[in-house]
Protein backbone atom coordinates (compact mmCIF):
# COMPACT_ATOMS: atom_id res chain seq x y z
CA MET A 1 130.31 -86.03 72.55
CA ILE A 2 127.76 -88.20 70.84
CA ASP A 3 124.53 -86.27 69.93
CA HIS A 4 122.48 -89.28 68.96
CA THR A 5 122.66 -92.88 67.72
CA GLY A 6 120.30 -95.65 66.60
CA VAL A 7 119.63 -99.13 65.25
CA ASN A 8 117.73 -100.63 62.61
CA VAL A 9 115.05 -103.14 63.53
CA SER A 10 113.28 -105.91 61.56
CA ASN A 11 109.76 -105.18 63.09
CA PHE A 12 109.25 -101.50 63.94
CA VAL A 13 105.91 -102.05 65.87
CA ARG A 14 107.41 -104.79 68.00
CA SER A 15 110.66 -102.97 68.71
CA LYS A 16 108.95 -99.76 69.43
CA ALA A 17 106.82 -101.41 72.14
CA PHE A 18 109.93 -103.12 73.53
CA TYR A 19 111.88 -99.85 73.83
CA ILE A 20 108.87 -97.89 75.29
CA ALA A 21 108.66 -100.37 78.08
CA ALA A 22 112.52 -101.05 78.62
CA LEU A 23 113.48 -97.41 78.56
CA ALA A 24 110.63 -95.88 80.69
CA PRO A 25 112.44 -96.60 83.94
CA LEU A 26 115.35 -94.40 82.72
CA GLY A 27 112.93 -91.48 81.95
CA TYR A 28 112.94 -92.07 78.21
CA SER A 29 109.91 -91.78 75.95
CA VAL A 30 109.10 -91.43 72.16
CA LEU A 31 109.87 -87.74 71.47
CA MET A 32 109.61 -87.80 67.67
CA GLU A 33 108.30 -90.15 65.09
CA PHE A 34 108.60 -90.21 61.29
CA GLY A 35 106.87 -93.05 59.55
CA ASP A 36 108.84 -96.12 60.54
CA ALA A 37 111.38 -94.29 62.62
CA ALA A 38 111.13 -93.26 66.28
CA GLY A 39 113.42 -91.07 68.45
CA PHE A 40 113.57 -91.79 72.09
CA GLY A 41 114.98 -89.52 74.83
CA VAL A 42 114.57 -87.43 77.87
CA ALA A 43 112.66 -84.24 76.75
CA PRO A 44 113.36 -82.05 74.96
CA LYS A 45 115.66 -84.07 72.41
CA PRO A 46 115.79 -87.70 71.30
CA ASP A 47 119.19 -89.25 71.29
CA PHE A 48 118.30 -92.95 70.52
CA TRP A 49 116.51 -93.77 67.33
CA ILE A 50 115.03 -97.06 65.88
CA ALA A 51 114.14 -97.50 62.31
CA GLN A 52 112.60 -100.13 60.21
CA GLY A 53 115.27 -101.86 58.08
CA ALA A 54 117.68 -104.68 57.94
CA PRO A 55 118.95 -105.02 61.53
CA ASN A 56 122.57 -104.15 62.07
CA LEU A 57 124.94 -107.10 61.64
CA PRO A 58 126.60 -107.82 63.74
CA PRO A 59 124.17 -106.62 66.45
CA VAL A 60 125.29 -103.55 68.24
CA HIS A 61 125.68 -102.63 71.93
CA VAL A 62 124.12 -99.43 73.29
CA ALA A 63 124.40 -98.48 77.00
CA PHE A 64 122.04 -96.01 78.67
CA ARG A 65 123.13 -94.09 81.82
CA ALA A 66 121.00 -94.63 84.89
CA GLU A 67 121.02 -92.31 87.82
CA THR A 68 120.55 -95.09 90.33
CA ARG A 69 120.99 -98.78 90.70
CA ALA A 70 117.16 -99.05 91.30
CA GLN A 71 116.77 -97.75 87.75
CA VAL A 72 119.06 -100.50 86.41
CA ASP A 73 117.03 -103.00 88.21
CA ALA A 74 113.73 -101.65 86.86
CA PHE A 75 115.16 -101.34 83.30
CA HIS A 76 116.07 -105.02 83.44
CA ARG A 77 112.62 -106.10 84.76
CA ALA A 78 110.77 -103.90 82.23
CA ALA A 79 112.91 -105.19 79.32
CA MET A 80 112.47 -108.82 80.29
CA ALA A 81 108.71 -108.31 80.64
CA ALA A 82 108.64 -106.67 77.14
CA GLY A 83 110.18 -109.73 75.52
CA GLY A 84 113.97 -109.01 75.94
CA LYS A 85 116.35 -111.84 76.68
CA ASP A 86 118.67 -111.71 79.55
CA ASN A 87 122.25 -111.07 78.62
CA GLY A 88 123.51 -110.14 82.21
CA ALA A 89 121.36 -109.62 85.26
CA PRO A 90 121.80 -106.50 87.22
CA GLY A 91 124.90 -106.36 89.43
CA LEU A 92 128.24 -104.98 89.94
CA ARG A 93 130.93 -105.38 87.21
CA PRO A 94 134.11 -104.51 89.18
CA HIS A 95 136.36 -105.46 86.31
CA TYR A 96 135.20 -102.23 84.75
CA HIS A 97 135.36 -100.19 87.96
CA ALA A 98 134.28 -100.52 91.63
CA ASN A 99 130.94 -98.95 91.18
CA TYR A 100 129.91 -100.12 87.73
CA TYR A 101 126.41 -101.45 88.16
CA GLY A 102 124.85 -102.65 85.03
CA ALA A 103 122.22 -104.90 83.39
CA PHE A 104 122.13 -106.31 79.79
CA VAL A 105 119.30 -107.47 77.62
CA LEU A 106 118.97 -108.44 74.01
CA ASP A 107 116.38 -106.62 72.19
CA PRO A 108 114.01 -108.43 69.62
CA ASP A 109 116.80 -108.26 66.96
CA GLY A 110 119.61 -109.33 69.32
CA HIS A 111 121.07 -105.90 69.98
CA ASN A 112 122.81 -105.76 73.39
CA ILE A 113 120.97 -103.02 75.33
CA GLU A 114 122.54 -102.04 78.75
CA ALA A 115 121.52 -99.73 81.63
CA VAL A 116 124.48 -98.65 83.83
CA CYS A 117 124.92 -96.59 86.94
CA HIS A 118 128.38 -95.40 87.91
CA ALA A 119 127.40 -93.97 91.28
CA PRO A 120 128.24 -95.71 94.56
CA GLN A 121 125.33 -97.33 96.36
């Protein structure tokens, strides 16, 4: 089981604002902050971190679990409004499995950030 993960970002302030907005529909918020590093998660523990540094190359893919398809839709809208780039609109991805409903956005450094719901509608 993965305890936490994270990405390096080129502009901490810009990326922090992006992730605050994009992850809010999934119940995530900033739970810890140390200088130019922030830990996001659902209380009480952060499980996703961003830190100022040379962005990971190649960019990475991180998928966040959503409880509902509506949360996936809200994530995509929020991420796009916060400056993300569309990398796959919300919808079913039956090539993964029948109920795989996901959306993909590129963060300010090009990391592929996904929200996915595995529950049937």
